[in-house]
Amino acid sequence: MTCRQAEDYFRSSDMVMMAVGSVENHGSHNVLGVDILIPEKLLNMIEEKTEILIAPSCPYGACDDLTGYAGTVSVGEDCLYEFLKRIAEGLYRHGARKILFLNGHGGNSSSITKVCLDLDRMGAAGVMLNWWQLAGDLNPDWKGGHGGGEETAAMMAVDPGLVHFDEMRTMELVDDMGERFPTAGFDKVLFRNVGVPIPREVKKYTTNGWIGPDDPKYATEEWGKEMLSAMADFIAAFIEEFRHVKIGK
């Protein structure tokens, strides 16, 4: 898109969408780019269904608790917030009043939320679309954890060659807080059958890196394709409806 084409676009539309991801461990079987590769695949599918300006993606995110795994790189919540805020302000300057963030990583949510609040105060709107949560809401069978069946199936839909089933291992949780407080999932330990968050380095309580109820060994390409297709349909429909919302000073 040239600057003239961008100018023409904003004369008739005030909506922009961009993907925000992360470069981090997703178990021994998944590549580090899961959180950006899946949203970018969805963007390609969405573009075929509806017209919307797609801004370049942000591949890095906030994943401080996963940096113990080789290849994981975190920019932190503050840096991510400032980066996305500057992008949002730039898009706003050219006419964007509805900015949709297609998010691939839970650790990005607080930074994106702050940007959305800033946009609200500017007379615009920010939308956070956490694809994995939306997928679980559309179909409870798709709901999953970090690097588990849900994300692994989605990656198989992106490219089966990027899932290394020969390197897949069990969840391998470690009770790093002792037997009185067994590890119960991301950040949590179990006490009297209640999960209590104790934020700490993920590598302390799982040597593998995937955590969740959805074992990735059950992931299939068919599952991934059906799930991403449903997500693309849902987001495209949302875009068409949201197009009619009047926003802006």
Protein backbone atom coordinates (compact mmCIF):
# COMPACT_ATOMS: atom_id res chain seq x y z
CA MET A 1 0.00 0.00 0.00
CA THR A 2 1.30 3.42 -0.93
CA CYS A 3 0.68 6.55 1.11
CA ARG A 4 -1.88 7.64 -1.51
CA GLN A 5 -3.70 4.31 -1.19
CA ALA A 6 -3.68 4.65 2.59
CA GLU A 7 -5.12 8.16 2.26
CA ASP A 8 -7.90 6.85 0.03
CA TYR A 9 -8.66 4.01 2.45
CA PHE A 10 -9.11 6.33 5.43
CA ARG A 11 -11.53 8.50 3.48
CA SER A 12 -14.04 5.65 3.55
CA SER A 13 -13.02 3.51 6.51
CA ASP A 14 -11.78 4.13 10.05
CA MET A 15 -10.91 0.52 10.92
CA VAL A 16 -7.46 -1.11 11.16
CA MET A 17 -6.36 -4.52 12.39
CA MET A 18 -2.97 -5.80 13.49
CA ALA A 19 -1.60 -8.98 15.04
CA VAL A 20 0.40 -8.99 18.26
CA GLY A 21 2.33 -12.10 19.19
CA SER A 22 5.30 -13.39 21.13
CA VAL A 23 8.50 -15.34 20.58
CA GLU A 24 8.56 -17.96 23.31
CA ASN A 25 8.61 -21.60 24.28
CA HIS A 26 5.48 -23.62 23.54
CA GLY A 27 6.67 -27.03 24.61
CA SER A 28 9.43 -29.12 23.10
CA HIS A 29 7.33 -29.84 19.99
CA ASN A 30 6.25 -26.36 18.86
CA VAL A 31 8.33 -23.63 17.25
CA LEU A 32 8.94 -20.38 19.12
CA GLY A 33 6.72 -18.29 16.85
CA VAL A 34 3.36 -19.94 17.63
CA ASP A 35 1.83 -16.75 19.03
CA ILE A 36 2.43 -14.72 15.87
CA LEU A 37 2.18 -17.42 13.20
CA ILE A 38 -1.39 -18.36 14.18
CA PRO A 39 -2.73 -14.75 14.21
CA GLU A 40 -1.04 -14.05 10.87
CA LYS A 41 -2.67 -17.14 9.39
CA LEU A 42 -6.01 -15.87 10.68
CA LEU A 43 -5.36 -12.44 9.15
CA ASN A 44 -4.86 -14.03 5.73
CA MET A 45 -8.13 -15.92 6.14
CA ILE A 46 -9.99 -12.83 7.36
CA GLU A 47 -8.77 -10.75 4.40
CA GLU A 48 -10.52 -13.19 2.09
CA LYS A 49 -13.83 -12.61 3.85
CA THR A 50 -13.99 -8.88 4.51
CA GLU A 51 -12.24 -5.63 3.64
CA ILE A 52 -10.06 -4.14 6.36
CA LEU A 53 -6.65 -2.49 6.44
CA ILE A 54 -4.08 -4.86 7.96
CA ALA A 55 -1.17 -3.13 9.67
CA PRO A 56 2.19 -4.91 9.99
CA SER A 57 2.34 -7.39 12.87
CA CYS A 58 4.25 -7.06 16.12
CA PRO A 59 5.99 -10.45 16.59
CA TYR A 60 7.47 -9.79 20.05
CA GLY A 61 5.48 -9.63 23.26
CA ALA A 62 5.60 -9.68 27.06
CA CYS A 63 6.67 -13.12 28.29
CA ASP A 64 9.10 -12.46 31.14
CA ASP A 65 8.20 -15.67 32.95
CA LEU A 66 9.26 -17.84 29.98
CA THR A 67 12.71 -16.41 29.30
CA GLY A 68 14.36 -19.38 31.00
CA TYR A 69 13.76 -21.36 27.80
CA ALA A 70 16.26 -20.91 24.98
CA GLY A 71 15.04 -18.66 22.17
CA THR A 72 12.37 -16.89 24.23
CA VAL A 73 12.64 -13.09 23.98
CA SER A 74 10.48 -10.70 26.01
CA VAL A 75 10.10 -6.97 25.51
CA GLY A 76 8.14 -6.63 28.77
CA GLU A 77 4.71 -5.13 29.43
CA ASP A 78 5.90 -1.51 29.62
CA CYS A 79 7.86 -1.60 26.36
CA LEU A 80 5.04 -3.40 24.54
CA TYR A 81 2.53 -0.84 25.81
CA GLU A 82 4.64 2.12 24.66
CA PHE A 83 5.26 0.50 21.27
CA LEU A 84 1.60 -0.28 20.59
CA LYS A 85 0.53 3.10 21.94
CA ARG A 86 2.78 4.90 19.44
CA ILE A 87 1.40 2.78 16.60
CA ALA A 88 -2.19 3.45 17.70
CA GLU A 89 -1.50 7.19 17.91
CA GLY A 90 0.02 7.15 14.42
CA LEU A 91 -2.95 5.31 12.97
CA TYR A 92 -5.34 7.65 14.80
CA ARG A 93 -3.58 10.64 13.24
CA HIS A 94 -4.41 9.31 9.78
CA GLY A 95 -8.06 8.57 10.52
CA ALA A 96 -8.25 5.26 12.36
CA ARG A 97 -10.91 5.26 15.06
CA LYS A 98 -11.38 1.50 15.46
CA ILE A 99 -8.19 -0.47 16.00
CA LEU A 100 -8.49 -4.23 16.36
CA PHE A 101 -5.63 -6.11 18.03
CA LEU A 102 -5.59 -9.80 17.09
CA ASN A 103 -3.66 -11.12 20.06
CA GLY A 104 -1.81 -14.43 20.18
CA HIS A 105 -0.36 -14.31 23.70
CA GLY A 106 -2.03 -13.92 27.10
CA GLY A 107 0.90 -11.99 28.54
CA ASN A 108 0.18 -9.17 26.09
CA SER A 109 -3.33 -8.59 27.37
CA SER A 110 -2.57 -5.99 30.05
CA SER A 111 -0.52 -3.85 27.64
CA ILE A 112 -3.20 -4.05 24.95
CA THR A 113 -5.89 -3.19 27.50
CA LYS A 114 -4.01 0.00 28.44
CA VAL A 115 -3.76 1.01 24.78
CA CYS A 116 -7.49 0.38 24.33
CA LEU A 117 -8.23 2.63 27.31
CA ASP A 118 -6.02 5.33 25.82
CA LEU A 119 -7.92 5.07 22.55
CA ASP A 120 -11.22 5.35 24.41
CA ARG A 121 -10.06 8.59 26.02
CA MET A 122 -9.10 9.87 22.54
CA GLY A 123 -12.61 9.25 21.24
CA ALA A 124 -11.65 6.04 19.48
CA ALA A 125 -12.03 2.34 20.26
CA GLY A 126 -9.56 -0.49 20.72
CA VAL A 127 -10.68 -4.11 20.42
CA MET A 128 -8.70 -7.02 21.85
CA LEU A 129 -9.34 -10.33 20.12
CA ASN A 130 -7.63 -13.13 22.04
CA TRP A 131 -8.09 -15.85 19.43
CA TRP A 132 -7.53 -18.84 21.74
CA GLN A 133 -10.11 -17.62 24.26
CA LEU A 134 -12.66 -16.83 21.56
CA ALA A 135 -12.14 -20.29 20.07
CA GLY A 136 -12.82 -21.90 23.44
CA ASP A 137 -15.98 -19.83 23.79
CA LEU A 138 -17.18 -20.87 20.33
CA ASN A 139 -16.55 -24.53 21.11
CA PRO A 140 -15.61 -25.74 24.63
CA ASP A 141 -13.89 -28.76 23.05
CA TRP A 142 -11.29 -26.38 21.62
CA LYS A 143 -10.45 -24.71 24.93
CA GLY A 144 -6.85 -25.28 25.96
CA GLY A 145 -3.73 -24.16 27.74
CA HIS A 146 -0.27 -23.05 26.73
CA GLY A 147 1.29 -25.12 23.95
CA GLY A 148 -1.34 -27.83 24.39
CA GLY A 149 -3.76 -29.40 21.96
CA GLU A 150 -5.52 -26.19 20.93
CA GLU A 151 -2.39 -24.30 19.89
CA THR A 152 -0.74 -27.41 18.47
CA ALA A 153 -3.77 -28.14 16.28
CA ALA A 154 -3.79 -24.52 15.11
CA MET A 155 -0.10 -24.79 14.22
CA MET A 156 -0.81 -27.93 12.21
CA ALA A 157 -3.33 -25.88 10.24
CA VAL A 158 -0.65 -23.24 9.66
CA ASP A 159 2.02 -25.76 8.62
CA PRO A 160 2.20 -29.38 9.86
CA GLY A 161 5.96 -29.28 9.34
CA LEU A 162 6.28 -26.77 12.18
CA VAL A 163 5.02 -29.28 14.76
CA HIS A 164 7.73 -31.72 15.84
CA PHE A 165 5.79 -34.69 17.17
CA ASP A 166 9.01 -36.68 17.51
CA GLU A 167 10.13 -34.20 20.18
CA MET A 168 6.82 -34.09 22.07
CA ARG A 169 6.97 -34.92 25.77
CA THR A 170 4.52 -35.07 28.66
CA MET A 171 3.64 -31.91 30.59
CA GLU A 172 6.33 -32.69 33.19
CA LEU A 173 5.06 -30.50 36.02
CA VAL A 174 7.42 -30.00 38.97
CA ASP A 175 6.19 -29.28 42.51
CA ASP A 176 8.81 -26.60 43.06
CA MET A 177 6.96 -25.26 46.12
CA GLY A 178 7.00 -28.66 47.79
CA GLU A 179 4.46 -31.43 48.19
CA ARG A 180 2.18 -29.24 50.34
CA PHE A 181 1.66 -26.90 47.37
CA PRO A 182 1.59 -28.96 44.18
CA THR A 183 1.85 -27.11 40.88
CA ALA A 184 -1.64 -26.69 39.40
CA GLY A 185 -1.01 -24.87 36.15
CA PHE A 186 0.32 -21.55 34.94
CA ASP A 187 1.58 -19.59 37.98
CA LYS A 188 -0.64 -21.56 40.35
CA VAL A 189 -0.22 -24.01 43.19
CA LEU A 190 -3.01 -26.03 44.71
CA PHE A 191 -4.07 -25.47 48.33
CA ARG A 192 -7.22 -27.16 49.68
CA ASN A 193 -8.26 -27.79 46.08
CA VAL A 194 -8.06 -24.09 45.24
CA GLY A 195 -5.54 -22.66 42.77
CA VAL A 196 -3.41 -19.89 44.29
CA PRO A 197 -1.26 -17.78 41.91
CA ILE A 198 2.44 -17.56 42.74
CA PRO A 199 4.02 -15.84 39.71
CA ARG A 200 7.49 -17.23 39.03
CA GLU A 201 9.71 -18.50 36.23
CA VAL A 202 7.76 -21.12 34.28
CA LYS A 203 10.84 -23.32 33.89
CA LYS A 204 10.82 -23.86 37.67
CA TYR A 205 7.59 -25.84 37.50
CA THR A 206 7.64 -27.44 34.07
CA THR A 207 10.75 -28.67 32.29
CA ASN A 208 8.84 -29.04 29.02
CA GLY A 209 6.91 -25.78 28.69
CA TRP A 210 3.39 -26.77 27.68
CA ILE A 211 0.74 -26.51 30.36
CA GLY A 212 -2.96 -27.26 30.20
CA PRO A 213 -5.73 -29.85 30.17
CA ASP A 214 -5.44 -30.39 26.40
CA ASP A 215 -2.68 -32.89 25.64
CA PRO A 216 -1.02 -31.93 22.33
CA LYS A 217 -0.66 -35.57 21.32
CA TYR A 218 -4.37 -35.50 20.44
CA ALA A 219 -4.03 -32.47 18.13
CA THR A 220 -4.95 -32.98 14.47
CA GLU A 221 -4.72 -30.87 11.36
CA GLU A 222 -8.49 -31.27 10.84
CA TRP A 223 -9.15 -29.85 14.32
CA GLY A 224 -6.89 -26.89 13.59
CA LYS A 225 -8.43 -26.12 10.22
CA GLU A 226 -11.99 -26.30 11.54
CA MET A 227 -11.09 -24.10 14.51
CA LEU A 228 -9.27 -21.42 12.51
CA SER A 229 -11.99 -21.38 9.88
CA ALA A 230 -14.60 -20.80 12.58
CA MET A 231 -12.46 -18.07 14.13
CA ALA A 232 -11.96 -16.30 10.78
CA ASP A 233 -15.72 -16.41 10.14
CA PHE A 234 -16.45 -15.03 13.61
CA ILE A 235 -13.95 -12.17 13.39
CA ALA A 236 -15.00 -11.25 9.84
CA ALA A 237 -18.63 -11.10 11.00
CA PHE A 238 -17.61 -8.96 13.98
CA ILE A 239 -15.77 -6.57 11.65
CA GLU A 240 -18.81 -6.16 9.42
CA GLU A 241 -21.08 -5.38 12.37
CA PHE A 242 -18.54 -3.17 14.15
CA ARG A 243 -18.17 -1.18 10.94
CA HIS A 244 -21.58 0.41 11.67
CA VAL A 245 -20.67 1.60 15.18
CA LYS A 246 -20.30 5.39 15.29
CA ILE A 247 -17.13 6.35 17.16
CA GLY A 248 -14.99 9.45 17.20
CA LYS A 249 -14.91 13.03 18.27
